[in-house]
Structure formats: C-alpha cells, structure tokens
Amino acid sequence: GGCAGAIYTLSMAASGELFSGAALLRISGLIS
C-alpha cells in the first residue's frame, strides 16, 4: 500500500514541479 500510494503522491508532486499557472490547472484536470 505504501509503495502503490507513493506512485500517485509523487505524480502529484511532479505536476507542481513541472507546471504552473494555467498549465497546472490543466495537468490537475488531466490527472482527474
């Protein structure tokens, strides 16, 4: 459970690491 959950947690962190502003909203929408 810890390893599987970290895949998602670090995917979220990667979105903030790579994108900002409107692109961050878009990547959050794509994640959803």
Full PDB file with SEQRES, HELIX, SHEET, SSBOND, CRYST1, ORIGX, SCALE, CONECT and MASTER records, all heavy atoms in Angstrom:
SEQRES   1 A   32  GLY GLY CYS ALA GLY ALA ILE TYR THR LEU SER MET ALA          
SEQRES   2 A   32  ALA SER GLY GLU LEU PHE SER GLY ALA ALA LEU LEU ARG          
SEQRES   3 A   32  ILE SER GLY LEU ILE SER                                      
HELIX    1 AA1 GLY A    2  LEU A   18  1                                  17    
HELIX    2 AA2 GLY A   21  ILE A   31  1                                  11    
CRYST1    1.000    1.000    1.000  90.00  90.00  90.00 P 1           1          
ORIGX1      1.000000  0.000000  0.000000        0.00000                         
ORIGX2      0.000000  1.000000  0.000000        0.00000                         
ORIGX3      0.000000  0.000000  1.000000        0.00000                         
SCALE1      1.000000  0.000000  0.000000        0.00000                         
SCALE2      0.000000  1.000000  0.000000        0.00000                         
SCALE3      0.000000  0.000000  1.000000        0.00000                         
ATOM      1  N   GLY A   1       0.811  -1.211   0.000  1.00  0.00           N  
ATOM      2  CA  GLY A   1       0.000   0.000   0.000  1.00  0.00           C  
ATOM      3  C   GLY A   1       0.845   1.262   0.000  1.00  0.00           C  
ATOM      4  O   GLY A   1       0.531   2.231  -0.692  1.00  0.00           O  
ATOM      5  N   GLY A   2       1.951   1.251   0.760  1.00  0.00           N  
ATOM      6  CA  GLY A   2       2.823   2.425   0.788  1.00  0.00           C  
ATOM      7  C   GLY A   2       3.486   2.697  -0.541  1.00  0.00           C  
ATOM      8  O   GLY A   2       3.534   3.842  -1.003  1.00  0.00           O  
ATOM      9  N   CYS A   3       3.995   1.652  -1.190  1.00  0.00           N  
ATOM     10  CA  CYS A   3       4.664   1.832  -2.487  1.00  0.00           C  
ATOM     11  C   CYS A   3       3.668   2.250  -3.565  1.00  0.00           C  
ATOM     12  O   CYS A   3       3.965   3.132  -4.389  1.00  0.00           O  
ATOM     13  CB  CYS A   3       5.362   0.532  -2.895  1.00  0.00           C  
ATOM     14  SG  CYS A   3       6.761   0.095  -1.857  1.00  0.00           S  
ATOM     15  N   ALA A   4       2.492   1.641  -3.575  1.00  0.00           N  
ATOM     16  CA  ALA A   4       1.480   1.992  -4.574  1.00  0.00           C  
ATOM     17  C   ALA A   4       1.002   3.426  -4.385  1.00  0.00           C  
ATOM     18  O   ALA A   4       0.872   4.189  -5.345  1.00  0.00           O  
ATOM     19  CB  ALA A   4       0.303   1.022  -4.491  1.00  0.00           C  
ATOM     20  N   GLY A   5       0.756   3.819  -3.138  1.00  0.00           N  
ATOM     21  CA  GLY A   5       0.307   5.181  -2.879  1.00  0.00           C  
ATOM     22  C   GLY A   5       1.343   6.225  -3.256  1.00  0.00           C  
ATOM     23  O   GLY A   5       1.002   7.315  -3.714  1.00  0.00           O  
ATOM     24  N   ALA A   6       2.623   5.884  -3.081  1.00  0.00           N  
ATOM     25  CA  ALA A   6       3.690   6.836  -3.408  1.00  0.00           C  
ATOM     26  C   ALA A   6       3.752   7.123  -4.898  1.00  0.00           C  
ATOM     27  O   ALA A   6       4.166   8.212  -5.309  1.00  0.00           O  
ATOM     28  CB  ALA A   6       5.038   6.296  -2.921  1.00  0.00           C  
ATOM     29  N   ILE A   7       3.345   6.159  -5.719  1.00  0.00           N  
ATOM     30  CA  ILE A   7       3.323   6.408  -7.162  1.00  0.00           C  
ATOM     31  C   ILE A   7       2.385   7.572  -7.477  1.00  0.00           C  
ATOM     32  O   ILE A   7       2.711   8.462  -8.279  1.00  0.00           O  
ATOM     33  CB  ILE A   7       2.899   5.137  -7.920  1.00  0.00           C  
ATOM     34  CG1 ILE A   7       3.988   4.066  -7.789  1.00  0.00           C  
ATOM     35  CG2 ILE A   7       2.631   5.434  -9.399  1.00  0.00           C  
ATOM     36  CD1 ILE A   7       3.624   2.739  -8.422  1.00  0.00           C  
ATOM     37  N   TYR A   8       1.241   7.613  -6.807  1.00  0.00           N  
ATOM     38  CA  TYR A   8       0.302   8.711  -7.027  1.00  0.00           C  
ATOM     39  C   TYR A   8       0.774  10.003  -6.358  1.00  0.00           C  
ATOM     40  O   TYR A   8       0.713  11.086  -6.946  1.00  0.00           O  
ATOM     41  CB  TYR A   8      -1.081   8.322  -6.504  1.00  0.00           C  
ATOM     42  CG  TYR A   8      -2.085   9.433  -6.580  1.00  0.00           C  
ATOM     43  CD1 TYR A   8      -2.445   9.985  -7.807  1.00  0.00           C  
ATOM     44  CD2 TYR A   8      -2.681   9.951  -5.435  1.00  0.00           C  
ATOM     45  CE1 TYR A   8      -3.368  11.014  -7.887  1.00  0.00           C  
ATOM     46  CE2 TYR A   8      -3.605  10.977  -5.503  1.00  0.00           C  
ATOM     47  CZ  TYR A   8      -3.943  11.509  -6.732  1.00  0.00           C  
ATOM     48  OH  TYR A   8      -4.836  12.530  -6.801  1.00  0.00           O  
ATOM     49  N   THR A   9       1.269   9.905  -5.126  1.00  0.00           N  
ATOM     50  CA  THR A   9       1.748  11.085  -4.413  1.00  0.00           C  
ATOM     51  C   THR A   9       2.834  11.808  -5.209  1.00  0.00           C  
ATOM     52  O   THR A   9       2.802  13.035  -5.376  1.00  0.00           O  
ATOM     53  CB  THR A   9       2.303  10.686  -3.037  1.00  0.00           C  
ATOM     54  OG1 THR A   9       1.254  10.105  -2.260  1.00  0.00           O  
ATOM     55  CG2 THR A   9       2.863  11.892  -2.298  1.00  0.00           C  
ATOM     56  N   LEU A  10       3.792  11.054  -5.721  1.00  0.00           N  
ATOM     57  CA  LEU A  10       4.891  11.663  -6.459  1.00  0.00           C  
ATOM     58  C   LEU A  10       4.466  12.103  -7.859  1.00  0.00           C  
ATOM     59  O   LEU A  10       5.105  12.973  -8.448  1.00  0.00           O  
ATOM     60  CB  LEU A  10       6.079  10.704  -6.517  1.00  0.00           C  
ATOM     61  CG  LEU A  10       6.682  10.383  -5.142  1.00  0.00           C  
ATOM     62  CD1 LEU A  10       7.856   9.428  -5.276  1.00  0.00           C  
ATOM     63  CD2 LEU A  10       7.111  11.656  -4.411  1.00  0.00           C  
ATOM     64  N   SER A  11       3.398  11.529  -8.385  1.00  0.00           N  
ATOM     65  CA  SER A  11       2.834  12.048  -9.636  1.00  0.00           C  
ATOM     66  C   SER A  11       2.264  13.444  -9.413  1.00  0.00           C  
ATOM     67  O   SER A  11       2.442  14.344 -10.237  1.00  0.00           O  
ATOM     68  CB  SER A  11       1.742  11.105 -10.162  1.00  0.00           C  
ATOM     69  OG  SER A  11       2.279   9.886 -10.607  1.00  0.00           O  
ATOM     70  N   MET A  12       1.572  13.630  -8.284  1.00  0.00           N  
ATOM     71  CA  MET A  12       1.066  14.960  -7.939  1.00  0.00           C  
ATOM     72  C   MET A  12       2.203  15.952  -7.740  1.00  0.00           C  
ATOM     73  O   MET A  12       2.149  17.088  -8.200  1.00  0.00           O  
ATOM     74  CB  MET A  12       0.207  14.896  -6.679  1.00  0.00           C  
ATOM     75  CG  MET A  12      -1.223  14.498  -6.906  1.00  0.00           C  
ATOM     76  SD  MET A  12      -2.267  15.038  -5.528  1.00  0.00           S  
ATOM     77  CE  MET A  12      -1.560  14.125  -4.182  1.00  0.00           C  
ATOM     78  N   ALA A  13       3.241  15.508  -7.022  1.00  0.00           N  
ATOM     79  CA  ALA A  13       4.385  16.386  -6.796  1.00  0.00           C  
ATOM     80  C   ALA A  13       5.062  16.754  -8.114  1.00  0.00           C  
ATOM     81  O   ALA A  13       5.489  17.892  -8.316  1.00  0.00           O  
ATOM     82  CB  ALA A  13       5.388  15.709  -5.863  1.00  0.00           C  
ATOM     83  N   ALA A  14       5.133  15.804  -9.032  1.00  0.00           N  
ATOM     84  CA  ALA A  14       5.754  16.067 -10.335  1.00  0.00           C  
ATOM     85  C   ALA A  14       4.975  17.112 -11.118  1.00  0.00           C  
ATOM     86  O   ALA A  14       5.563  17.926 -11.843  1.00  0.00           O  
ATOM     87  CB  ALA A  14       5.846  14.769 -11.139  1.00  0.00           C  
ATOM     88  N   SER A  15       3.651  17.120 -10.978  1.00  0.00           N  
ATOM     89  CA  SER A  15       2.854  18.104 -11.713  1.00  0.00           C  
ATOM     90  C   SER A  15       3.180  19.519 -11.253  1.00  0.00           C  
ATOM     91  O   SER A  15       3.281  20.443 -12.059  1.00  0.00           O  
ATOM     92  CB  SER A  15       1.356  17.812 -11.546  1.00  0.00           C  
ATOM     93  OG  SER A  15       0.931  18.029 -10.209  1.00  0.00           O  
ATOM     94  N   GLY A  16       3.375  19.712  -9.935  1.00  0.00           N  
ATOM     95  CA  GLY A  16       3.766  21.020  -9.439  1.00  0.00           C  
ATOM     96  C   GLY A  16       5.214  21.363  -9.734  1.00  0.00           C  
ATOM     97  O   GLY A  16       5.578  22.525  -9.810  1.00  0.00           O  
ATOM     98  N   GLU A  17       6.044  20.349  -9.893  1.00  0.00           N  
ATOM     99  CA  GLU A  17       7.446  20.554 -10.214  1.00  0.00           C  
ATOM    100  C   GLU A  17       7.641  21.013 -11.652  1.00  0.00           C  
ATOM    101  O   GLU A  17       8.534  21.800 -11.959  1.00  0.00           O  
ATOM    102  CB  GLU A  17       8.194  19.236  -9.986  1.00  0.00           C  
ATOM    103  CG  GLU A  17       9.672  19.245 -10.293  1.00  0.00           C  
ATOM    104  CD  GLU A  17      10.277  17.878 -10.096  1.00  0.00           C  
ATOM    105  OE1 GLU A  17      10.062  17.289  -9.014  1.00  0.00           O  
ATOM    106  OE2 GLU A  17      10.958  17.374 -11.011  1.00  0.00           O  
ATOM    107  N   LEU A  18       6.771  20.532 -12.564  1.00  0.00           N  
ATOM    108  CA  LEU A  18       6.941  20.806 -13.992  1.00  0.00           C  
ATOM    109  C   LEU A  18       6.058  21.926 -14.517  1.00  0.00           C  
ATOM    110  O   LEU A  18       6.367  22.538 -15.536  1.00  0.00           O  
ATOM    111  CB  LEU A  18       6.660  19.533 -14.800  1.00  0.00           C  
ATOM    112  CG  LEU A  18       7.587  18.341 -14.541  1.00  0.00           C  
ATOM    113  CD1 LEU A  18       7.101  17.119 -15.316  1.00  0.00           C  
ATOM    114  CD2 LEU A  18       9.015  18.681 -14.913  1.00  0.00           C  
ATOM    115  N   PHE A  19       4.905  22.192 -13.848  1.00  0.00           N  
ATOM    116  CA  PHE A  19       3.913  23.113 -14.404  1.00  0.00           C  
ATOM    117  C   PHE A  19       3.504  24.164 -13.375  1.00  0.00           C  
ATOM    118  O   PHE A  19       3.611  23.959 -12.168  1.00  0.00           O  
ATOM    119  CB  PHE A  19       2.673  22.345 -14.878  1.00  0.00           C  
ATOM    120  CG  PHE A  19       2.966  21.294 -15.909  1.00  0.00           C  
ATOM    121  CD1 PHE A  19       3.065  19.954 -15.545  1.00  0.00           C  
ATOM    122  CD2 PHE A  19       3.164  21.638 -17.238  1.00  0.00           C  
ATOM    123  CE1 PHE A  19       3.346  18.982 -16.488  1.00  0.00           C  
ATOM    124  CE2 PHE A  19       3.442  20.674 -18.192  1.00  0.00           C  
ATOM    125  CZ  PHE A  19       3.533  19.336 -17.816  1.00  0.00           C  
ATOM    126  N   SER A  20       2.991  25.281 -13.877  1.00  0.00           N  
ATOM    127  CA  SER A  20       2.465  26.344 -13.028  1.00  0.00           C  
ATOM    128  C   SER A  20       1.296  27.016 -13.745  1.00  0.00           C  
ATOM    129  O   SER A  20       1.016  26.723 -14.905  1.00  0.00           O  
ATOM    130  CB  SER A  20       3.558  27.379 -12.718  1.00  0.00           C  
ATOM    131  OG  SER A  20       3.971  28.041 -13.916  1.00  0.00           O  
ATOM    132  N   GLY A  21       0.610  27.909 -13.024  1.00  0.00           N  
ATOM    133  CA  GLY A  21      -0.464  28.696 -13.627  1.00  0.00           C  
ATOM    134  C   GLY A  21      -1.542  27.865 -14.293  1.00  0.00           C  
ATOM    135  O   GLY A  21      -2.016  26.864 -13.753  1.00  0.00           O  
ATOM    136  N   ALA A  22      -1.932  28.275 -15.501  1.00  0.00           N  
ATOM    137  CA  ALA A  22      -2.994  27.585 -16.229  1.00  0.00           C  
ATOM    138  C   ALA A  22      -2.611  26.151 -16.562  1.00  0.00           C  
ATOM    139  O   ALA A  22      -3.450  25.248 -16.565  1.00  0.00           O  
ATOM    140  CB  ALA A  22      -3.322  28.348 -17.517  1.00  0.00           C  
ATOM    141  N   ALA A  23      -1.325  25.919 -16.842  1.00  0.00           N  
ATOM    142  CA  ALA A  23      -0.878  24.550 -17.151  1.00  0.00           C  
ATOM    143  C   ALA A  23      -1.033  23.637 -15.943  1.00  0.00           C  
ATOM    144  O   ALA A  23      -1.331  22.448 -16.090  1.00  0.00           O  
ATOM    145  CB  ALA A  23       0.571  24.565 -17.624  1.00  0.00           C  
ATOM    146  N   LEU A  24      -0.861  24.168 -14.743  1.00  0.00           N  
ATOM    147  CA  LEU A  24      -1.049  23.364 -13.541  1.00  0.00           C  
ATOM    148  C   LEU A  24      -2.506  22.966 -13.380  1.00  0.00           C  
ATOM    149  O   LEU A  24      -2.820  21.834 -12.985  1.00  0.00           O  
ATOM    150  CB  LEU A  24      -0.559  24.136 -12.317  1.00  0.00           C  
ATOM    151  CG  LEU A  24      -0.666  23.423 -10.969  1.00  0.00           C  
ATOM    152  CD1 LEU A  24       0.088  22.094 -10.988  1.00  0.00           C  
ATOM    153  CD2 LEU A  24      -0.140  24.322  -9.844  1.00  0.00           C  
ATOM    154  N   LEU A  25      -3.420  23.889 -13.685  1.00  0.00           N  
ATOM    155  CA  LEU A  25      -4.840  23.539 -13.666  1.00  0.00           C  
ATOM    156  C   LEU A  25      -5.147  22.451 -14.687  1.00  0.00           C  
ATOM    157  O   LEU A  25      -5.920  21.521 -14.427  1.00  0.00           O  
ATOM    158  CB  LEU A  25      -5.699  24.766 -13.945  1.00  0.00           C  
ATOM    159  CG  LEU A  25      -5.935  25.732 -12.774  1.00  0.00           C  
ATOM    160  CD1 LEU A  25      -6.651  26.971 -13.274  1.00  0.00           C  
ATOM    161  CD2 LEU A  25      -6.739  25.056 -11.681  1.00  0.00           C  
ATOM    162  N   ARG A  26      -4.517  22.547 -15.872  1.00  0.00           N  
ATOM    163  CA  ARG A  26      -4.770  21.547 -16.906  1.00  0.00           C  
ATOM    164  C   ARG A  26      -4.234  20.182 -16.508  1.00  0.00           C  
ATOM    165  O   ARG A  26      -4.909  19.168 -16.708  1.00  0.00           O  
ATOM    166  CB  ARG A  26      -4.154  22.003 -18.234  1.00  0.00           C  
ATOM    167  CG  ARG A  26      -4.820  23.219 -18.844  1.00  0.00           C  
ATOM    168  CD  ARG A  26      -4.340  23.480 -20.269  1.00  0.00           C  
ATOM    169  NE  ARG A  26      -4.900  24.729 -20.760  1.00  0.00           N  
ATOM    170  CZ  ARG A  26      -4.220  25.863 -20.907  1.00  0.00           C  
ATOM    171  NH1 ARG A  26      -2.936  25.897 -20.615  1.00  0.00           N  
ATOM    172  NH2 ARG A  26      -4.805  26.958 -21.362  1.00  0.00           N  
ATOM    173  N   ILE A  27      -3.020  20.127 -15.968  1.00  0.00           N  
ATOM    174  CA  ILE A  27      -2.476  18.833 -15.573  1.00  0.00           C  
ATOM    175  C   ILE A  27      -3.287  18.247 -14.425  1.00  0.00           C  
ATOM    176  O   ILE A  27      -3.497  17.030 -14.359  1.00  0.00           O  
ATOM    177  CB  ILE A  27      -0.968  18.933 -15.205  1.00  0.00           C  
ATOM    178  CG1 ILE A  27      -0.374  17.538 -14.946  1.00  0.00           C  
ATOM    179  CG2 ILE A  27      -0.747  19.812 -13.991  1.00  0.00           C  
ATOM    180  CD1 ILE A  27      -0.349  16.630 -16.115  1.00  0.00           C  
ATOM    181  N   SER A  28      -3.799  19.095 -13.522  1.00  0.00           N  
ATOM    182  CA  SER A  28      -4.664  18.598 -12.457  1.00  0.00           C  
ATOM    183  C   SER A  28      -5.955  18.027 -13.033  1.00  0.00           C  
ATOM    184  O   SER A  28      -6.465  17.000 -12.567  1.00  0.00           O  
ATOM    185  CB  SER A  28      -4.982  19.718 -11.456  1.00  0.00           C  
ATOM    186  OG  SER A  28      -3.813  20.172 -10.806  1.00  0.00           O  
ATOM    187  N   GLY A  29      -6.480  18.706 -14.074  1.00  0.00           N  
ATOM    188  CA  GLY A  29      -7.663  18.172 -14.740  1.00  0.00           C  
ATOM    189  C   GLY A  29      -7.383  16.857 -15.439  1.00  0.00           C  
ATOM    190  O   GLY A  29      -8.192  15.921 -15.392  1.00  0.00           O  
ATOM    191  N   LEU A  30      -6.222  16.755 -16.090  1.00  0.00           N  
ATOM    192  CA  LEU A  30      -5.850  15.503 -16.755  1.00  0.00           C  
ATOM    193  C   LEU A  30      -5.633  14.386 -15.744  1.00  0.00           C  
ATOM    194  O   LEU A  30      -5.994  13.226 -15.999  1.00  0.00           O  
ATOM    195  CB  LEU A  30      -4.582  15.710 -17.588  1.00  0.00           C  
ATOM    196  CG  LEU A  30      -4.764  16.477 -18.900  1.00  0.00           C  
ATOM    197  CD1 LEU A  30      -3.409  16.819 -19.510  1.00  0.00           C  
ATOM    198  CD2 LEU A  30      -5.594  15.658 -19.887  1.00  0.00           C  
ATOM    199  N   ILE A  31      -5.038  14.718 -14.599  1.00  0.00           N  
ATOM    200  CA  ILE A  31      -4.883  13.718 -13.545  1.00  0.00           C  
ATOM    201  C   ILE A  31      -6.242  13.203 -13.094  1.00  0.00           C  
ATOM    202  O   ILE A  31      -6.460  11.999 -12.916  1.00  0.00           O  
ATOM    203  CB  ILE A  31      -4.096  14.315 -12.356  1.00  0.00           C  
ATOM    204  CG1 ILE A  31      -2.614  14.446 -12.729  1.00  0.00           C  
ATOM    205  CG2 ILE A  31      -4.248  13.466 -11.104  1.00  0.00           C  
ATOM    206  CD1 ILE A  31      -1.780  15.168 -11.685  1.00  0.00           C  
ATOM    207  N   SER A  32      -7.193  14.126 -12.928  1.00  0.00           N  
ATOM    208  CA  SER A  32      -8.536  13.715 -12.523  1.00  0.00           C  
ATOM    209  C   SER A  32      -9.212  12.867 -13.594  1.00  0.00           C  
ATOM    210  O   SER A  32      -9.883  11.875 -13.291  1.00  0.00           O  
ATOM    211  CB  SER A  32      -9.388  14.953 -12.214  1.00  0.00           C  
ATOM    212  OG  SER A  32     -10.676  14.578 -11.780  1.00  0.00           O  
TER     213      SER A  32                                                      
MASTER        0    0    0    2    0    0    0    6  212    1    0    3          
END                                                                             
